[in-house]
Amino acid sequence: MDPTVVVVTGANDGIGFHMTRAFLADGYCVAGLDLADENLHPLLAANPGRLLEFSDEDWEEVVATILKGTFLCAQEFARF
């Protein structure tokens, strides 16, 4: 595996947390996503620049972009 960024959902605890730690230990840049983040703060401090933080506003922008883009493409396709 040779990705630039690994995305882990449920990164705050359980399997997601341990996967996040393992990917960081292997040198990957990790986007750890979770509704809670108290366990991610120590990982962030120990791995500066490799664990990406998304605010709620950032995530909403990503989702809106993906949903709107998908909708607009489907709308254009339906015209043909």
N, C-alpha and C. Protein backbone atom coordinates (compact mmCIF):
# COMPACT_ATOMS: atom_id res chain seq x y z
N MET A 1 0.84 -1.18 0.00
CA MET A 1 0.00 0.00 0.00
C MET A 1 0.88 1.25 0.00
N ASP A 2 0.54 2.21 -0.84
CA ASP A 2 1.36 3.41 -0.90
C ASP A 2 0.50 4.67 -1.09
N PRO A 3 -0.52 4.87 -0.23
CA PRO A 3 -1.33 6.08 -0.38
C PRO A 3 -0.64 7.28 0.27
N THR A 4 -1.00 8.46 -0.20
CA THR A 4 -0.47 9.67 0.40
C THR A 4 -1.19 9.95 1.71
N VAL A 5 -2.52 9.81 1.70
CA VAL A 5 -3.33 10.05 2.89
C VAL A 5 -4.27 8.87 3.10
N VAL A 6 -4.36 8.42 4.34
CA VAL A 6 -5.30 7.36 4.71
C VAL A 6 -6.44 8.01 5.48
N VAL A 7 -7.68 7.67 5.12
CA VAL A 7 -8.85 8.18 5.82
C VAL A 7 -9.38 7.08 6.73
N VAL A 8 -9.52 7.39 8.01
CA VAL A 8 -10.04 6.42 8.98
C VAL A 8 -11.28 7.01 9.62
N THR A 9 -12.42 6.34 9.47
CA THR A 9 -13.64 6.78 10.16
C THR A 9 -13.70 6.09 11.51
N GLY A 10 -14.31 6.76 12.48
CA GLY A 10 -14.36 6.21 13.83
C GLY A 10 -12.98 6.19 14.46
N ALA A 11 -12.17 7.21 14.17
CA ALA A 11 -10.76 7.21 14.58
C ALA A 11 -10.54 7.50 16.06
N ASN A 12 -11.57 7.90 16.78
CA ASN A 12 -11.39 8.28 18.18
C ASN A 12 -11.24 7.10 19.13
N ASP A 13 -11.82 5.95 18.79
CA ASP A 13 -11.72 4.81 19.70
C ASP A 13 -11.87 3.49 18.96
N GLY A 14 -11.67 2.41 19.69
CA GLY A 14 -11.84 1.08 19.13
C GLY A 14 -10.89 0.78 17.99
N ILE A 15 -11.41 0.04 17.01
CA ILE A 15 -10.60 -0.36 15.87
C ILE A 15 -10.08 0.86 15.10
N GLY A 16 -10.94 1.87 14.92
CA GLY A 16 -10.52 3.06 14.19
C GLY A 16 -9.33 3.75 14.84
N PHE A 17 -9.34 3.83 16.18
CA PHE A 17 -8.23 4.46 16.90
C PHE A 17 -6.94 3.67 16.69
N HIS A 18 -7.04 2.36 16.82
CA HIS A 18 -5.84 1.52 16.68
C HIS A 18 -5.33 1.51 15.24
N MET A 19 -6.24 1.57 14.26
CA MET A 19 -5.82 1.67 12.87
C MET A 19 -5.11 3.01 12.62
N THR A 20 -5.64 4.09 13.22
CA THR A 20 -5.02 5.40 13.08
C THR A 20 -3.60 5.37 13.64
N ARG A 21 -3.44 4.81 14.84
CA ARG A 21 -2.11 4.71 15.44
C ARG A 21 -1.16 3.89 14.58
N ALA A 22 -1.66 2.77 14.04
CA ALA A 22 -0.82 1.90 13.22
C ALA A 22 -0.38 2.60 11.93
N PHE A 23 -1.30 3.28 11.27
CA PHE A 23 -0.95 4.00 10.04
C PHE A 23 0.07 5.11 10.33
N LEU A 24 -0.12 5.84 11.43
CA LEU A 24 0.83 6.88 11.81
C LEU A 24 2.21 6.28 12.09
N ALA A 25 2.22 5.14 12.79
CA ALA A 25 3.49 4.48 13.10
C ALA A 25 4.22 4.04 11.83
N ASP A 26 3.44 3.73 10.78
CA ASP A 26 4.04 3.32 9.50
C ASP A 26 4.39 4.51 8.61
N GLY A 27 4.16 5.75 9.12
CA GLY A 27 4.58 6.94 8.39
C GLY A 27 3.53 7.56 7.49
N TYR A 28 2.31 7.07 7.54
CA TYR A 28 1.25 7.63 6.70
C TYR A 28 0.72 8.94 7.27
N CYS A 29 0.18 9.77 6.41
CA CYS A 29 -0.58 10.94 6.81
C CYS A 29 -2.02 10.46 6.95
N VAL A 30 -2.67 10.75 8.08
CA VAL A 30 -3.99 10.19 8.37
C VAL A 30 -5.02 11.28 8.57
N ALA A 31 -6.16 11.13 7.89
CA ALA A 31 -7.34 11.96 8.14
C ALA A 31 -8.22 11.13 9.05
N GLY A 32 -8.17 11.42 10.35
CA GLY A 32 -8.96 10.68 11.34
C GLY A 32 -10.29 11.37 11.55
N LEU A 33 -11.38 10.69 11.20
CA LEU A 33 -12.71 11.28 11.29
C LEU A 33 -13.50 10.62 12.41
N ASP A 34 -14.15 11.44 13.23
CA ASP A 34 -15.00 10.94 14.29
C ASP A 34 -15.80 12.09 14.86
N LEU A 35 -16.95 11.79 15.47
CA LEU A 35 -17.74 12.83 16.11
C LEU A 35 -17.08 13.30 17.40
N ALA A 36 -16.39 12.40 18.08
CA ALA A 36 -15.65 12.76 19.29
C ALA A 36 -14.16 12.81 18.93
N ASP A 37 -13.39 13.56 19.69
CA ASP A 37 -11.97 13.67 19.33
C ASP A 37 -11.00 13.67 20.52
N GLU A 38 -11.48 13.34 21.71
CA GLU A 38 -10.59 13.45 22.87
C GLU A 38 -9.38 12.53 22.79
N ASN A 39 -9.49 11.36 22.18
CA ASN A 39 -8.35 10.45 22.06
C ASN A 39 -7.41 10.84 20.92
N LEU A 40 -7.90 11.66 19.99
CA LEU A 40 -7.07 12.05 18.85
C LEU A 40 -6.07 13.15 19.20
N HIS A 41 -6.36 13.95 20.24
CA HIS A 41 -5.45 15.05 20.60
C HIS A 41 -4.05 14.58 20.95
N PRO A 42 -3.87 13.51 21.76
CA PRO A 42 -2.50 13.05 22.01
C PRO A 42 -1.81 12.55 20.75
N LEU A 43 -2.56 11.91 19.84
CA LEU A 43 -1.96 11.45 18.59
C LEU A 43 -1.53 12.64 17.74
N LEU A 44 -2.34 13.69 17.74
CA LEU A 44 -2.02 14.89 16.98
C LEU A 44 -0.74 15.53 17.52
N ALA A 45 -0.64 15.60 18.83
CA ALA A 45 0.54 16.21 19.46
C ALA A 45 1.81 15.40 19.16
N ALA A 46 1.66 14.07 19.11
CA ALA A 46 2.81 13.20 18.88
C ALA A 46 3.19 13.09 17.41
N ASN A 47 2.27 13.49 16.52
CA ASN A 47 2.50 13.34 15.08
C ASN A 47 2.14 14.63 14.35
N PRO A 48 2.82 15.73 14.63
CA PRO A 48 2.44 16.99 14.00
C PRO A 48 2.54 16.92 12.48
N GLY A 49 1.48 17.42 11.84
CA GLY A 49 1.46 17.46 10.39
C GLY A 49 1.08 16.17 9.71
N ARG A 50 0.86 15.10 10.49
CA ARG A 50 0.51 13.83 9.86
C ARG A 50 -0.91 13.38 10.19
N LEU A 51 -1.54 14.00 11.18
CA LEU A 51 -2.93 13.70 11.50
C LEU A 51 -3.71 14.95 11.16
N LEU A 52 -4.55 14.87 10.15
CA LEU A 52 -5.26 16.04 9.66
C LEU A 52 -6.49 16.32 10.50
N GLU A 53 -6.69 17.57 10.87
CA GLU A 53 -7.87 17.96 11.63
C GLU A 53 -8.87 18.63 10.71
N PHE A 54 -10.13 18.22 10.81
CA PHE A 54 -11.22 18.82 10.07
C PHE A 54 -12.20 19.40 11.07
N SER A 55 -12.54 20.66 10.90
CA SER A 55 -13.61 21.23 11.74
C SER A 55 -14.95 20.79 11.15
N ASP A 56 -16.02 21.00 11.91
CA ASP A 56 -17.34 20.69 11.39
C ASP A 56 -17.61 21.46 10.10
N GLU A 57 -17.18 22.72 10.08
CA GLU A 57 -17.39 23.55 8.89
C GLU A 57 -16.62 23.00 7.69
N ASP A 58 -15.39 22.53 7.92
CA ASP A 58 -14.60 21.93 6.83
C ASP A 58 -15.32 20.70 6.27
N TRP A 59 -15.79 19.85 7.18
CA TRP A 59 -16.45 18.62 6.75
C TRP A 59 -17.75 18.93 6.01
N GLU A 60 -18.51 19.90 6.50
CA GLU A 60 -19.75 20.28 5.82
C GLU A 60 -19.46 20.80 4.41
N GLU A 61 -18.35 21.51 4.24
CA GLU A 61 -17.98 22.00 2.91
C GLU A 61 -17.62 20.85 1.98
N VAL A 62 -16.89 19.86 2.50
CA VAL A 62 -16.54 18.69 1.70
C VAL A 62 -17.80 17.96 1.26
N VAL A 63 -18.70 17.70 2.21
CA VAL A 63 -19.93 16.98 1.89
C VAL A 63 -20.78 17.77 0.90
N ALA A 64 -20.92 19.07 1.13
CA ALA A 64 -21.71 19.90 0.22
C ALA A 64 -21.13 19.90 -1.18
N THR A 65 -19.82 19.95 -1.29
CA THR A 65 -19.17 19.94 -2.59
C THR A 65 -19.43 18.62 -3.31
N ILE A 66 -19.28 17.52 -2.60
CA ILE A 66 -19.50 16.21 -3.21
C ILE A 66 -20.96 16.03 -3.60
N LEU A 67 -21.87 16.37 -2.70
CA LEU A 67 -23.29 16.20 -3.00
C LEU A 67 -23.74 17.11 -4.13
N LYS A 68 -23.32 18.36 -4.09
CA LYS A 68 -23.73 19.30 -5.13
C LYS A 68 -23.13 18.91 -6.48
N GLY A 69 -21.88 18.52 -6.48
CA GLY A 69 -21.24 18.09 -7.72
C GLY A 69 -21.93 16.88 -8.32
N THR A 70 -22.26 15.91 -7.48
CA THR A 70 -22.96 14.71 -7.95
C THR A 70 -24.32 15.07 -8.50
N PHE A 71 -25.04 15.93 -7.77
CA PHE A 71 -26.36 16.37 -8.21
C PHE A 71 -26.28 17.09 -9.55
N LEU A 72 -25.36 18.03 -9.69
CA LEU A 72 -25.24 18.80 -10.92
C LEU A 72 -24.87 17.92 -12.12
N CYS A 73 -23.97 16.96 -11.89
CA CYS A 73 -23.61 16.04 -12.96
C CYS A 73 -24.79 15.18 -13.38
N ALA A 74 -25.53 14.67 -12.39
CA ALA A 74 -26.72 13.84 -12.70
C ALA A 74 -27.76 14.67 -13.42
N GLN A 75 -27.94 15.90 -13.01
CA GLN A 75 -28.91 16.79 -13.64
C GLN A 75 -28.54 17.03 -15.12
N GLU A 76 -27.26 17.30 -15.38
CA GLU A 76 -26.82 17.50 -16.77
C GLU A 76 -26.98 16.24 -17.58
N PHE A 77 -26.63 15.11 -17.01
CA PHE A 77 -26.73 13.83 -17.71
C PHE A 77 -28.19 13.54 -18.07
N ALA A 78 -29.11 13.86 -17.17
CA ALA A 78 -30.53 13.59 -17.38
C ALA A 78 -31.10 14.40 -18.55
N ARG A 79 -30.47 15.47 -18.93
CA ARG A 79 -30.94 16.30 -20.03
C ARG A 79 -30.71 15.66 -21.39
N PHE A 80 -29.84 14.65 -21.44
CA PHE A 80 -29.52 14.02 -22.72
C PHE A 80 -30.40 12.84 -22.96
